[in-house]
Amino acid sequence: MPNRLLFRLLTVFALVPLACAADARSKLSPSEMYPGPWFEITQEIREILTLYKVSKCNEAVGRQSSRSSGEYLLYCTQDEVHWTSWLVKPAAHKVHGPGSLLDGIPLPDAY
């Protein structure tokens, strides 16, 4: 019986560093999650914004996610002064926002 307990404890202690390493990899900074470059948003993304009646994106730029090729970070404005962020997954028909601009991801140089 003590051997079983010892084996279980050793197994747990062996797996903890692996779990911690996986957790560290999953916590990417915003600039690592959406590394750029900025691009003009596609018609497909515009259609999703229209479908969800997002009206604050007269002007918009996007960055593709480094973890999911179907996910995009958008920065949108109506007046080039007030900006919002949005997460869009066109294939899944999902839109999340508005939010504030993300730390570490400034507006593109053109603005």
C-alpha atoms as a PDB file:
ATOM      1  CA  MET A   1       0.000   0.000   0.000  1.00  0.00           C
ATOM      2  CA  PRO A   2       2.739   2.562   0.826  1.00  0.00           C
ATOM      3  CA  ASN A   3       4.341   1.846  -2.550  1.00  0.00           C
ATOM      4  CA  ARG A   4       1.124   2.790  -4.318  1.00  0.00           C
ATOM      5  CA  LEU A   5       0.867   6.024  -2.409  1.00  0.00           C
ATOM      6  CA  LEU A   6       4.496   6.816  -3.149  1.00  0.00           C
ATOM      7  CA  PHE A   7       3.945   6.067  -6.849  1.00  0.00           C
ATOM      8  CA  ARG A   8       0.903   8.379  -6.958  1.00  0.00           C
ATOM      9  CA  LEU A   9       2.788  11.191  -5.261  1.00  0.00           C
ATOM     10  CA  LEU A  10       5.737  10.844  -7.611  1.00  0.00           C
ATOM     11  CA  THR A  11       3.378  10.833 -10.600  1.00  0.00           C
ATOM     12  CA  VAL A  12       1.652  14.006  -9.416  1.00  0.00           C
ATOM     13  CA  PHE A  13       4.963  15.768  -8.762  1.00  0.00           C
ATOM     14  CA  ALA A  14       6.225  14.703 -12.183  1.00  0.00           C
ATOM     15  CA  LEU A  15       3.143  16.116 -13.932  1.00  0.00           C
ATOM     16  CA  VAL A  16       2.954  19.455 -12.107  1.00  0.00           C
ATOM     17  CA  PRO A  17       5.891  21.049 -14.016  1.00  0.00           C
ATOM     18  CA  LEU A  18       4.324  19.962 -17.310  1.00  0.00           C
ATOM     19  CA  ALA A  19       1.009  21.543 -16.375  1.00  0.00           C
ATOM     20  CA  CYS A  20       2.749  24.751 -15.307  1.00  0.00           C
ATOM     21  CA  ALA A  21       4.689  24.913 -18.584  1.00  0.00           C
ATOM     22  CA  ALA A  22       1.480  24.450 -20.586  1.00  0.00           C
ATOM     23  CA  ASP A  23      -0.198  27.190 -18.556  1.00  0.00           C
ATOM     24  CA  ALA A  24       2.727  29.561 -19.187  1.00  0.00           C
ATOM     25  CA  ARG A  25       2.475  28.952 -22.944  1.00  0.00           C
ATOM     26  CA  SER A  26      -1.260  29.688 -22.927  1.00  0.00           C
ATOM     27  CA  LYS A  27      -0.780  33.161 -21.420  1.00  0.00           C
ATOM     28  CA  LEU A  28       0.402  35.066 -24.454  1.00  0.00           C
ATOM     29  CA  SER A  29       0.475  38.846 -24.433  1.00  0.00           C
ATOM     30  CA  PRO A  30      -2.006  40.621 -26.724  1.00  0.00           C
ATOM     31  CA  SER A  31       0.798  41.503 -29.150  1.00  0.00           C
ATOM     32  CA  GLU A  32       1.787  37.817 -29.283  1.00  0.00           C
ATOM     33  CA  MET A  33      -1.819  36.726 -29.799  1.00  0.00           C
ATOM     34  CA  TYR A  34      -2.358  39.281 -32.590  1.00  0.00           C
ATOM     35  CA  PRO A  35       1.145  39.955 -33.939  1.00  0.00           C
ATOM     36  CA  GLY A  36       0.188  41.891 -37.027  1.00  0.00           C
ATOM     37  CA  PRO A  37       0.632  43.378 -39.476  1.00  0.00           C
ATOM     38  CA  TRP A  38      -2.543  45.419 -39.686  1.00  0.00           C
ATOM     39  CA  PHE A  39      -4.706  44.801 -42.761  1.00  0.00           C
ATOM     40  CA  GLU A  40      -7.818  46.349 -44.248  1.00  0.00           C
ATOM     41  CA  ILE A  41     -10.704  44.126 -43.205  1.00  0.00           C
ATOM     42  CA  THR A  42     -12.204  41.786 -45.758  1.00  0.00           C
ATOM     43  CA  GLN A  43     -15.705  41.775 -47.181  1.00  0.00           C
ATOM     44  CA  GLU A  44     -16.416  38.613 -45.176  1.00  0.00           C
ATOM     45  CA  ILE A  45     -15.606  40.439 -41.925  1.00  0.00           C
ATOM     46  CA  ARG A  46     -17.679  43.468 -43.019  1.00  0.00           C
ATOM     47  CA  GLU A  47     -20.643  41.166 -43.663  1.00  0.00           C
ATOM     48  CA  ILE A  48     -20.379  39.675 -40.154  1.00  0.00           C
ATOM     49  CA  LEU A  49     -20.272  43.184 -38.659  1.00  0.00           C
ATOM     50  CA  THR A  50     -23.344  44.114 -40.690  1.00  0.00           C
ATOM     51  CA  LEU A  51     -25.125  40.915 -39.625  1.00  0.00           C
ATOM     52  CA  TYR A  52     -24.580  41.866 -35.970  1.00  0.00           C
ATOM     53  CA  LYS A  53     -25.500  45.509 -36.632  1.00  0.00           C
ATOM     54  CA  VAL A  54     -22.085  46.825 -35.578  1.00  0.00           C
ATOM     55  CA  SER A  55     -22.246  50.444 -36.664  1.00  0.00           C
ATOM     56  CA  LYS A  56     -19.078  51.766 -35.013  1.00  0.00           C
ATOM     57  CA  CYS A  57     -16.779  50.339 -37.688  1.00  0.00           C
ATOM     58  CA  ASN A  58     -16.925  52.838 -40.525  1.00  0.00           C
ATOM     59  CA  GLU A  59     -13.139  52.567 -40.557  1.00  0.00           C
ATOM     60  CA  ALA A  60     -11.563  49.330 -39.386  1.00  0.00           C
ATOM     61  CA  VAL A  61      -8.258  47.507 -39.420  1.00  0.00           C
ATOM     62  CA  GLY A  62      -7.571  43.956 -38.348  1.00  0.00           C
ATOM     63  CA  ARG A  63      -4.924  41.543 -37.153  1.00  0.00           C
ATOM     64  CA  GLN A  64      -5.141  37.781 -37.424  1.00  0.00           C
ATOM     65  CA  SER A  65      -4.770  35.618 -34.313  1.00  0.00           C
ATOM     66  CA  SER A  66      -1.555  33.630 -34.006  1.00  0.00           C
ATOM     67  CA  ARG A  67      -3.514  30.808 -32.343  1.00  0.00           C
ATOM     68  CA  SER A  68      -6.531  30.607 -34.634  1.00  0.00           C
ATOM     69  CA  SER A  69      -6.421  31.576 -38.299  1.00  0.00           C
ATOM     70  CA  GLY A  70     -10.175  32.228 -38.219  1.00  0.00           C
ATOM     71  CA  GLU A  71     -10.052  34.829 -35.426  1.00  0.00           C
ATOM     72  CA  TYR A  72      -9.345  38.521 -35.862  1.00  0.00           C
ATOM     73  CA  LEU A  73      -8.780  41.520 -33.630  1.00  0.00           C
ATOM     74  CA  LEU A  74     -10.356  44.640 -35.099  1.00  0.00           C
ATOM     75  CA  TYR A  75      -9.830  48.257 -34.161  1.00  0.00           C
ATOM     76  CA  CYS A  76     -12.800  50.328 -35.320  1.00  0.00           C
ATOM     77  CA  THR A  77     -13.754  53.990 -35.393  1.00  0.00           C
ATOM     78  CA  GLN A  78     -16.432  56.266 -36.755  1.00  0.00           C
ATOM     79  CA  ASP A  79     -14.502  59.493 -36.350  1.00  0.00           C
ATOM     80  CA  GLU A  80     -10.764  58.581 -36.111  1.00  0.00           C
ATOM     81  CA  VAL A  81     -10.835  59.845 -32.497  1.00  0.00           C
ATOM     82  CA  HIS A  82     -12.790  57.224 -30.545  1.00  0.00           C
ATOM     83  CA  TRP A  83     -11.619  53.662 -31.163  1.00  0.00           C
ATOM     84  CA  THR A  84     -13.002  50.317 -30.000  1.00  0.00           C
ATOM     85  CA  SER A  85     -11.714  46.773 -30.237  1.00  0.00           C
ATOM     86  CA  TRP A  86     -13.673  43.759 -31.440  1.00  0.00           C
ATOM     87  CA  LEU A  87     -12.940  40.042 -31.702  1.00  0.00           C
ATOM     88  CA  VAL A  88     -14.456  38.482 -34.802  1.00  0.00           C
ATOM     89  CA  LYS A  89     -14.677  34.864 -35.948  1.00  0.00           C
ATOM     90  CA  PRO A  90     -16.360  35.077 -39.363  1.00  0.00           C
ATOM     91  CA  ALA A  91     -16.695  31.329 -40.018  1.00  0.00           C
ATOM     92  CA  ALA A  92     -18.339  30.824 -36.623  1.00  0.00           C
ATOM     93  CA  HIS A  93     -20.473  33.974 -37.036  1.00  0.00           C
ATOM     94  CA  LYS A  94     -19.208  35.356 -33.705  1.00  0.00           C
ATOM     95  CA  VAL A  95     -18.532  38.952 -32.754  1.00  0.00           C
ATOM     96  CA  HIS A  96     -17.396  40.133 -29.312  1.00  0.00           C
ATOM     97  CA  GLY A  97     -17.160  43.801 -28.434  1.00  0.00           C
ATOM     98  CA  PRO A  98     -16.897  46.659 -28.185  1.00  0.00           C
ATOM     99  CA  GLY A  99     -13.889  46.802 -25.907  1.00  0.00           C
ATOM    100  CA  SER A 100     -11.000  49.129 -25.246  1.00  0.00           C
ATOM    101  CA  LEU A 101      -7.775  49.033 -27.227  1.00  0.00           C
ATOM    102  CA  LEU A 102      -5.444  46.270 -26.070  1.00  0.00           C
ATOM    103  CA  ASP A 103      -2.255  47.001 -24.141  1.00  0.00           C
ATOM    104  CA  GLY A 104       0.776  46.581 -26.355  1.00  0.00           C
ATOM    105  CA  ILE A 105      -1.156  46.951 -29.617  1.00  0.00           C
ATOM    106  CA  PRO A 106      -1.192  50.585 -30.712  1.00  0.00           C
ATOM    107  CA  LEU A 107      -3.214  51.989 -33.578  1.00  0.00           C
ATOM    108  CA  PRO A 108      -1.645  51.569 -36.994  1.00  0.00           C
ATOM    109  CA  ASP A 109       0.710  54.331 -38.103  1.00  0.00           C
ATOM    110  CA  ALA A 110      -1.800  55.747 -40.595  1.00  0.00           C
ATOM    111  CA  TYR A 111      -3.981  57.006 -37.727  1.00  0.00           C
END
